[in-house]
Amino acid sequence: MAATANGDVITVPTFTGTPEQLWRIDQLTDGTYRIMPKVVPDSGKKLALVSSGDSTPTLAEFDFTSDNSKWNFKAH
């Protein structure tokens, strides 16, 4: 998975360790998680992984009041 300059998230065939392929996962005070790429190419913005309904996840500014930018992990 990698962040692109236009704020999309893409899959990549091989992990190369480039900054746009590195992700940070922060646990928030409500127990959910924020997922952020280390770098968004050609952007100085700090963006987070967001999803609206069943849409494909993309990158946008993090909004703590929105469930679209909070994630949960489940053990299967």
N, C-alpha and C. Protein backbone atom coordinates (compact mmCIF):
# COMPACT_ATOMS: atom_id res chain seq x y z
N MET A 1 0.85 -1.16 0.00
CA MET A 1 0.00 0.00 0.00
C MET A 1 0.91 1.23 0.00
N ALA A 2 0.51 2.26 -0.75
CA ALA A 2 1.31 3.47 -0.82
C ALA A 2 0.40 4.69 -1.01
N ALA A 3 0.84 5.82 -0.49
CA ALA A 3 0.15 7.09 -0.68
C ALA A 3 0.64 7.72 -1.98
N THR A 4 -0.26 8.38 -2.70
CA THR A 4 0.12 9.07 -3.94
C THR A 4 0.01 10.58 -3.74
N ALA A 5 0.61 11.33 -4.66
CA ALA A 5 0.62 12.79 -4.58
C ALA A 5 -0.79 13.39 -4.65
N ASN A 6 -1.72 12.71 -5.30
CA ASN A 6 -3.08 13.25 -5.40
C ASN A 6 -4.01 12.74 -4.28
N GLY A 7 -3.44 12.16 -3.22
CA GLY A 7 -4.23 11.76 -2.07
C GLY A 7 -4.93 10.43 -2.19
N ASP A 8 -4.50 9.61 -3.12
CA ASP A 8 -5.07 8.28 -3.26
C ASP A 8 -4.21 7.27 -2.53
N VAL A 9 -4.78 6.11 -2.31
CA VAL A 9 -4.05 4.99 -1.73
C VAL A 9 -4.05 3.89 -2.78
N ILE A 10 -2.87 3.38 -3.10
CA ILE A 10 -2.75 2.34 -4.11
C ILE A 10 -2.05 1.11 -3.53
N THR A 11 -2.28 -0.01 -4.17
CA THR A 11 -1.50 -1.20 -3.82
C THR A 11 -0.27 -1.22 -4.71
N VAL A 12 0.80 -1.72 -4.17
CA VAL A 12 2.05 -1.83 -4.92
C VAL A 12 2.49 -3.29 -4.92
N PRO A 13 3.08 -3.74 -6.02
CA PRO A 13 3.43 -5.17 -6.11
C PRO A 13 4.56 -5.60 -5.16
N THR A 14 5.45 -4.66 -4.83
CA THR A 14 6.60 -5.01 -4.01
C THR A 14 6.86 -3.92 -2.98
N PHE A 15 7.14 -4.31 -1.76
CA PHE A 15 7.53 -3.35 -0.73
C PHE A 15 8.98 -2.96 -0.96
N THR A 16 9.21 -1.66 -1.12
CA THR A 16 10.57 -1.16 -1.34
C THR A 16 11.08 -0.33 -0.17
N GLY A 17 10.19 0.00 0.77
CA GLY A 17 10.59 0.77 1.93
C GLY A 17 10.60 2.27 1.71
N THR A 18 10.06 2.73 0.58
CA THR A 18 10.00 4.18 0.35
C THR A 18 9.06 4.82 1.36
N PRO A 19 9.27 6.09 1.70
CA PRO A 19 8.46 6.74 2.74
C PRO A 19 6.95 6.68 2.49
N GLU A 20 6.51 6.72 1.24
CA GLU A 20 5.07 6.68 0.97
C GLU A 20 4.48 5.29 1.18
N GLN A 21 5.33 4.29 1.41
CA GLN A 21 4.86 2.94 1.71
C GLN A 21 4.87 2.65 3.21
N LEU A 22 5.36 3.58 4.00
CA LEU A 22 5.42 3.40 5.46
C LEU A 22 4.22 4.06 6.11
N TRP A 23 3.60 3.36 7.05
CA TRP A 23 2.37 3.83 7.67
C TRP A 23 2.50 3.87 9.18
N ARG A 24 1.84 4.83 9.78
CA ARG A 24 1.83 5.01 11.23
C ARG A 24 0.42 4.73 11.74
N ILE A 25 0.31 3.96 12.81
CA ILE A 25 -0.98 3.64 13.40
C ILE A 25 -0.97 4.15 14.84
N ASP A 26 -1.87 5.09 15.12
CA ASP A 26 -1.98 5.69 16.45
C ASP A 26 -3.29 5.27 17.10
N GLN A 27 -3.23 4.79 18.33
CA GLN A 27 -4.46 4.51 19.06
C GLN A 27 -4.97 5.81 19.66
N LEU A 28 -6.25 6.10 19.44
CA LEU A 28 -6.88 7.32 19.92
C LEU A 28 -7.51 7.10 21.28
N THR A 29 -7.90 8.18 21.93
CA THR A 29 -8.45 8.08 23.28
C THR A 29 -9.75 7.31 23.35
N ASP A 30 -10.48 7.19 22.23
CA ASP A 30 -11.74 6.43 22.24
C ASP A 30 -11.54 4.96 21.89
N GLY A 31 -10.28 4.52 21.74
CA GLY A 31 -9.98 3.12 21.45
C GLY A 31 -9.89 2.78 19.98
N THR A 32 -10.25 3.72 19.10
CA THR A 32 -10.11 3.51 17.66
C THR A 32 -8.69 3.89 17.24
N TYR A 33 -8.41 3.74 15.95
CA TYR A 33 -7.06 4.01 15.44
C TYR A 33 -7.09 4.99 14.28
N ARG A 34 -6.04 5.80 14.20
CA ARG A 34 -5.80 6.68 13.05
C ARG A 34 -4.65 6.07 12.28
N ILE A 35 -4.80 5.97 10.95
CA ILE A 35 -3.76 5.40 10.09
C ILE A 35 -3.28 6.48 9.14
N MET A 36 -1.98 6.76 9.18
CA MET A 36 -1.41 7.84 8.38
C MET A 36 -0.17 7.37 7.63
N PRO A 37 -0.01 7.80 6.38
CA PRO A 37 1.24 7.50 5.69
C PRO A 37 2.35 8.38 6.25
N LYS A 38 3.57 7.88 6.23
CA LYS A 38 4.70 8.68 6.70
C LYS A 38 4.84 9.93 5.84
N VAL A 39 4.64 9.77 4.54
CA VAL A 39 4.79 10.88 3.59
C VAL A 39 3.71 10.79 2.53
N VAL A 40 3.16 11.94 2.17
CA VAL A 40 2.32 12.06 0.99
C VAL A 40 3.17 12.80 -0.03
N PRO A 41 3.58 12.14 -1.13
CA PRO A 41 4.49 12.78 -2.09
C PRO A 41 3.99 14.15 -2.55
N ASP A 42 4.92 15.09 -2.66
CA ASP A 42 4.65 16.45 -3.14
C ASP A 42 3.61 17.19 -2.31
N SER A 43 3.50 16.85 -1.03
CA SER A 43 2.54 17.51 -0.15
C SER A 43 3.15 17.69 1.22
N GLY A 44 2.90 18.82 1.82
CA GLY A 44 3.36 19.06 3.19
C GLY A 44 2.28 18.75 4.21
N LYS A 45 1.13 18.28 3.73
CA LYS A 45 0.01 18.02 4.62
C LYS A 45 0.14 16.68 5.34
N LYS A 46 -0.39 16.64 6.55
CA LYS A 46 -0.50 15.40 7.31
C LYS A 46 -1.89 14.84 7.02
N LEU A 47 -1.96 13.78 6.25
CA LEU A 47 -3.24 13.19 5.87
C LEU A 47 -3.41 11.83 6.52
N ALA A 48 -4.66 11.43 6.67
CA ALA A 48 -4.99 10.14 7.29
C ALA A 48 -5.84 9.33 6.34
N LEU A 49 -5.85 8.03 6.55
CA LEU A 49 -6.68 7.12 5.77
C LEU A 49 -8.14 7.32 6.18
N VAL A 50 -9.01 7.61 5.22
CA VAL A 50 -10.44 7.80 5.50
C VAL A 50 -11.28 6.99 4.53
N SER A 51 -12.48 6.66 4.95
CA SER A 51 -13.41 5.93 4.10
C SER A 51 -14.81 6.45 4.38
N SER A 52 -15.59 6.58 3.35
CA SER A 52 -16.97 7.02 3.49
C SER A 52 -17.89 5.89 3.03
N GLY A 53 -18.58 5.26 3.96
CA GLY A 53 -19.45 4.14 3.60
C GLY A 53 -18.64 2.98 3.07
N ASP A 54 -19.06 2.47 1.93
CA ASP A 54 -18.36 1.34 1.31
C ASP A 54 -17.39 1.77 0.23
N SER A 55 -17.01 3.04 0.22
CA SER A 55 -16.12 3.54 -0.83
C SER A 55 -14.68 3.07 -0.60
N THR A 56 -13.88 3.23 -1.61
CA THR A 56 -12.46 2.90 -1.52
C THR A 56 -11.78 3.92 -0.61
N PRO A 57 -10.98 3.47 0.35
CA PRO A 57 -10.29 4.42 1.23
C PRO A 57 -9.40 5.38 0.44
N THR A 58 -9.30 6.59 0.95
CA THR A 58 -8.46 7.62 0.35
C THR A 58 -7.79 8.38 1.48
N LEU A 59 -7.09 9.44 1.16
CA LEU A 59 -6.42 10.25 2.18
C LEU A 59 -7.11 11.61 2.29
N ALA A 60 -7.25 12.07 3.53
CA ALA A 60 -7.84 13.39 3.79
C ALA A 60 -7.34 13.84 5.17
N GLU A 61 -7.61 15.11 5.47
CA GLU A 61 -7.22 15.60 6.79
C GLU A 61 -8.02 14.85 7.85
N PHE A 62 -7.36 14.54 8.96
CA PHE A 62 -7.98 13.78 10.04
C PHE A 62 -9.02 14.64 10.75
N ASP A 63 -10.19 14.04 11.05
CA ASP A 63 -11.25 14.70 11.78
C ASP A 63 -11.68 13.78 12.91
N PHE A 64 -11.33 14.13 14.15
CA PHE A 64 -11.63 13.27 15.28
C PHE A 64 -13.14 13.08 15.47
N THR A 65 -13.94 14.04 15.03
CA THR A 65 -15.39 13.94 15.21
C THR A 65 -16.06 13.06 14.17
N SER A 66 -15.33 12.60 13.17
CA SER A 66 -15.90 11.78 12.11
C SER A 66 -15.44 10.33 12.24
N ASP A 67 -16.40 9.40 12.16
CA ASP A 67 -16.05 7.99 12.18
C ASP A 67 -15.35 7.56 10.88
N ASN A 68 -15.41 8.38 9.84
CA ASN A 68 -14.79 8.03 8.55
C ASN A 68 -13.27 7.99 8.63
N SER A 69 -12.69 8.62 9.64
CA SER A 69 -11.23 8.62 9.74
C SER A 69 -10.73 7.83 10.96
N LYS A 70 -11.62 7.03 11.53
CA LYS A 70 -11.24 6.18 12.66
C LYS A 70 -11.40 4.73 12.25
N TRP A 71 -10.48 3.89 12.71
CA TRP A 71 -10.46 2.48 12.31
C TRP A 71 -10.43 1.59 13.52
N ASN A 72 -10.96 0.37 13.38
CA ASN A 72 -10.91 -0.67 14.41
C ASN A 72 -10.24 -1.90 13.82
N PHE A 73 -9.58 -2.64 14.67
CA PHE A 73 -8.95 -3.90 14.28
C PHE A 73 -9.65 -5.04 15.00
N LYS A 74 -9.85 -6.14 14.31
CA LYS A 74 -10.47 -7.32 14.90
C LYS A 74 -9.56 -8.52 14.70
N ALA A 75 -9.50 -9.36 15.70
CA ALA A 75 -8.75 -10.61 15.59
C ALA A 75 -9.67 -11.65 14.93
N HIS A 76 -9.16 -12.35 13.97
CA HIS A 76 -9.95 -13.40 13.30
C HIS A 76 -9.27 -14.73 13.44
